[in-house]
C-alpha atoms as a PDB file:
ATOM      1  CA  MET A   1      -0.217  -0.066   0.043  1.00  0.00           C
ATOM      2  CA  VAL A   2       1.123   3.569  -1.308  1.00  0.00           C
ATOM      3  CA  LYS A   3       1.287   6.352   1.121  1.00  0.00           C
ATOM      4  CA  ASP A   4      -0.489   9.791   0.546  1.00  0.00           C
ATOM      5  CA  THR A   5       1.741  11.631  -1.038  1.00  0.00           C
ATOM      6  CA  LYS A   6      -0.022  14.807  -1.027  1.00  0.00           C
ATOM      7  CA  LYS A   7       1.484  17.466   1.090  1.00  0.00           C
ATOM      8  CA  LYS A   8      -0.626  18.937   4.000  1.00  0.00           C
ATOM      9  CA  ASN A   9      -0.589  22.974   4.299  1.00  0.00           C
ATOM     10  CA  THR A  10       1.813  23.573   6.806  1.00  0.00           C
ATOM     11  CA  LYS A  11       2.060  27.053   6.298  1.00  0.00           C
ATOM     12  CA  GLY A  12      -0.125  29.719   7.952  1.00  0.00           C
ATOM     13  CA  PRO A  13      -1.180  31.014  10.762  1.00  0.00           C
ATOM     14  CA  LYS A  14      -0.952  28.578  13.738  1.00  0.00           C
ATOM     15  CA  SER A  15      -0.751  28.255  17.807  1.00  0.00           C
ATOM     16  CA  VAL A  16       0.454  25.400  19.603  1.00  0.00           C
ATOM     17  CA  ILE A  17       0.942  25.040  23.397  1.00  0.00           C
ATOM     18  CA  ALA A  18       4.134  23.120  24.499  1.00  0.00           C
ATOM     19  CA  THR A  19       6.088  22.575  27.387  1.00  0.00           C
ATOM     20  CA  ILE A  20       9.957  22.179  26.968  1.00  0.00           C
ATOM     21  CA  HIS A  21      12.591  20.856  29.550  1.00  0.00           C
ATOM     22  CA  LEU A  22      15.353  23.551  29.933  1.00  0.00           C
ATOM     23  CA  HIS A  23      16.911  22.122  32.413  1.00  0.00           C
ATOM     24  CA  LYS A  24      18.081  18.974  30.060  1.00  0.00           C
ATOM     25  CA  HIS A  25      19.971  21.705  28.101  1.00  0.00           C
ATOM     26  CA  MET A  26      21.774  23.341  30.841  1.00  0.00           C
ATOM     27  CA  HIS A  27      24.235  20.266  31.622  1.00  0.00           C
ATOM     28  CA  ASP A  28      27.931  21.201  31.105  1.00  0.00           C
ATOM     29  CA  VAL A  29      26.772  24.851  30.609  1.00  0.00           C
ATOM     30  CA  THR A  30      28.707  27.854  32.926  1.00  0.00           C
ATOM     31  CA  PHE A  31      26.524  29.170  35.119  1.00  0.00           C
ATOM     32  CA  LYS A  32      27.308  32.811  33.835  1.00  0.00           C
ATOM     33  CA  ARG A  33      26.088  31.235  30.410  1.00  0.00           C
ATOM     34  CA  ARG A  34      22.836  29.679  31.409  1.00  0.00           C
ATOM     35  CA  ALA A  35      20.250  32.138  31.311  1.00  0.00           C
ATOM     36  CA  PRO A  36      21.443  33.081  27.759  1.00  0.00           C
ATOM     37  CA  LYS A  37      21.866  29.597  26.295  1.00  0.00           C
ATOM     38  CA  ALA A  38      18.323  29.020  27.237  1.00  0.00           C
ATOM     39  CA  VAL A  39      16.755  31.794  25.410  1.00  0.00           C
ATOM     40  CA  LYS A  40      18.844  30.702  22.500  1.00  0.00           C
ATOM     41  CA  VAL A  41      16.958  26.813  23.263  1.00  0.00           C
ATOM     42  CA  ILE A  42      13.251  28.185  23.312  1.00  0.00           C
ATOM     43  CA  LYS A  43      14.348  29.740  20.074  1.00  0.00           C
ATOM     44  CA  LYS A  44      15.650  26.614  18.571  1.00  0.00           C
ATOM     45  CA  PHE A  45      12.618  24.782  19.419  1.00  0.00           C
ATOM     46  CA  GLY A  46      10.468  27.800  18.039  1.00  0.00           C
ATOM     47  CA  ARG A  47      11.808  27.382  14.521  1.00  0.00           C
ATOM     48  CA  ARG A  48      11.799  23.364  14.739  1.00  0.00           C
ATOM     49  CA  MET A  49       8.467  23.050  15.776  1.00  0.00           C
ATOM     50  CA  MET A  50       6.918  25.940  13.212  1.00  0.00           C
ATOM     51  CA  GLY A  51       9.494  25.913  10.653  1.00  0.00           C
ATOM     52  CA  THR A  52       9.948  29.887  10.861  1.00  0.00           C
ATOM     53  CA  ASN A  53      13.587  31.422  11.122  1.00  0.00           C
ATOM     54  CA  ASP A  54      12.509  34.521  12.653  1.00  0.00           C
ATOM     55  CA  VAL A  55      11.461  33.849  16.434  1.00  0.00           C
ATOM     56  CA  ARG A  56      10.244  36.305  18.604  1.00  0.00           C
ATOM     57  CA  VAL A  57      10.710  35.768  22.619  1.00  0.00           C
ATOM     58  CA  ASP A  58       7.865  37.842  24.648  1.00  0.00           C
ATOM     59  CA  PRO A  59       9.276  40.377  27.547  1.00  0.00           C
ATOM     60  CA  LYS A  60       7.452  38.115  29.891  1.00  0.00           C
ATOM     61  CA  LEU A  61       8.897  34.843  28.816  1.00  0.00           C
ATOM     62  CA  ASN A  62      12.441  36.404  29.001  1.00  0.00           C
ATOM     63  CA  LYS A  63      11.807  37.781  32.538  1.00  0.00           C
ATOM     64  CA  PHE A  64      10.807  34.426  33.632  1.00  0.00           C
ATOM     65  CA  VAL A  65      13.702  32.877  32.343  1.00  0.00           C
ATOM     66  CA  TRP A  66      15.784  35.414  34.115  1.00  0.00           C
ATOM     67  CA  SER A  67      13.574  35.176  37.189  1.00  0.00           C
ATOM     68  CA  LYS A  68      16.237  33.198  39.113  1.00  0.00           C
ATOM     69  CA  GLY A  69      19.052  34.337  38.028  1.00  0.00           C
ATOM     70  CA  ILE A  70      21.601  34.002  35.582  1.00  0.00           C
ATOM     71  CA  LYS A  71      22.373  30.568  36.979  1.00  0.00           C
ATOM     72  CA  GLY A  72      19.163  29.434  38.253  1.00  0.00           C
ATOM     73  CA  VAL A  73      16.994  28.792  35.108  1.00  0.00           C
ATOM     74  CA  PRO A  74      13.877  27.050  35.525  1.00  0.00           C
ATOM     75  CA  PHE A  75      13.487  23.591  35.039  1.00  0.00           C
ATOM     76  CA  ARG A  76      10.771  23.959  33.080  1.00  0.00           C
ATOM     77  CA  ALA A  77       8.283  26.138  30.996  1.00  0.00           C
ATOM     78  CA  ARG A  78       4.910  26.155  29.484  1.00  0.00           C
ATOM     79  CA  ILE A  79       5.024  28.357  25.978  1.00  0.00           C
ATOM     80  CA  ARG A  80       2.573  29.378  23.865  1.00  0.00           C
ATOM     81  CA  LEU A  81       4.065  29.583  19.889  1.00  0.00           C
ATOM     82  CA  ASP A  82       2.169  31.643  17.427  1.00  0.00           C
ATOM     83  CA  ARG A  83       2.866  31.697  13.961  1.00  0.00           C
ATOM     84  CA  LYS A  84       1.840  34.944  12.474  1.00  0.00           C
ATOM     85  CA  ARG A  85       1.677  36.401   8.859  1.00  0.00           C
ATOM     86  CA  ASN A  86       4.610  39.377   8.155  1.00  0.00           C
ATOM     87  CA  GLU A  87       2.720  42.686   8.100  1.00  0.00           C
ATOM     88  CA  ASP A  88       5.636  44.530   7.037  1.00  0.00           C
ATOM     89  CA  GLU A  89       5.732  44.310   2.926  1.00  0.00           C
ATOM     90  CA  ASP A  90       9.488  44.633   2.611  1.00  0.00           C
ATOM     91  CA  ALA A  91      10.057  41.569   4.924  1.00  0.00           C
ATOM     92  CA  LYS A  92      12.102  38.665   3.927  1.00  0.00           C
ATOM     93  CA  LYS A  93      10.219  36.398   5.011  1.00  0.00           C
ATOM     94  CA  LYS A  94       5.957  35.997   4.833  1.00  0.00           C
ATOM     95  CA  LEU A  95       5.548  34.079   8.659  1.00  0.00           C
ATOM     96  CA  TYR A  96       7.105  35.010  12.013  1.00  0.00           C
ATOM     97  CA  THR A  97       6.956  32.903  15.122  1.00  0.00           C
ATOM     98  CA  VAL A  98       5.742  34.943  18.923  1.00  0.00           C
ATOM     99  CA  VAL A  99       7.204  32.665  21.769  1.00  0.00           C
ATOM    100  CA  THR A 100       4.697  33.641  25.179  1.00  0.00           C
ATOM    101  CA  TRP A 101       4.762  32.422  28.471  1.00  0.00           C
ATOM    102  CA  VAL A 102       1.778  30.208  30.015  1.00  0.00           C
ATOM    103  CA  PRO A 103       1.919  30.162  34.128  1.00  0.00           C
ATOM    104  CA  VAL A 104       0.873  26.981  35.249  1.00  0.00           C
ATOM    105  CA  THR A 105       0.944  25.611  38.581  1.00  0.00           C
ATOM    106  CA  SER A 106       1.973  21.942  37.508  1.00  0.00           C
ATOM    107  CA  PHE A 107       3.261  19.946  34.787  1.00  0.00           C
ATOM    108  CA  LYS A 108       1.662  16.922  35.345  1.00  0.00           C
ATOM    109  CA  GLY A 109       0.323  15.314  32.901  1.00  0.00           C
ATOM    110  CA  LEU A 110       0.154  18.542  30.544  1.00  0.00           C
ATOM    111  CA  GLN A 111       0.993  17.130  26.606  1.00  0.00           C
ATOM    112  CA  THR A 112       1.015  19.725  23.393  1.00  0.00           C
ATOM    113  CA  GLU A 113      -1.900  21.059  21.899  1.00  0.00           C
ATOM    114  CA  GLN A 114      -3.359  22.711  19.455  1.00  0.00           C
ATOM    115  CA  VAL A 115      -5.362  25.803  19.943  1.00  0.00           C
ATOM    116  CA  GLU A 116      -7.628  27.447  17.234  1.00  0.00           C
ATOM    117  CA  ALA A 117      -5.812  30.687  15.947  1.00  0.00           C
ATOM    118  CA  GLU A 118      -6.938  33.620  17.026  1.00  0.00           C
END
């Protein structure tokens, strides 16, 4: 049996809520580079999940990552990834991703979920 070779329309506005495990990326990272590395890991996660090179981190998420200082990065973060159309006409890429922080009390039982785009 041959698989369906049609490609789905993957490009367009889309929203996903996911949990990223930051602690596993902090092994063997110098204390003074942990929070900047965590921001880079979040951007890389956004690029991989949404397929856009332009990933923008919300100031609240940045504040959450830096909340315990440069070397005390939180173990996990619940984030919302929104892929949006670029309104700027002279932009090189049509789409960009905004990563925002979703506050939760516990990470137990949470899974990645698709959200209706607003």
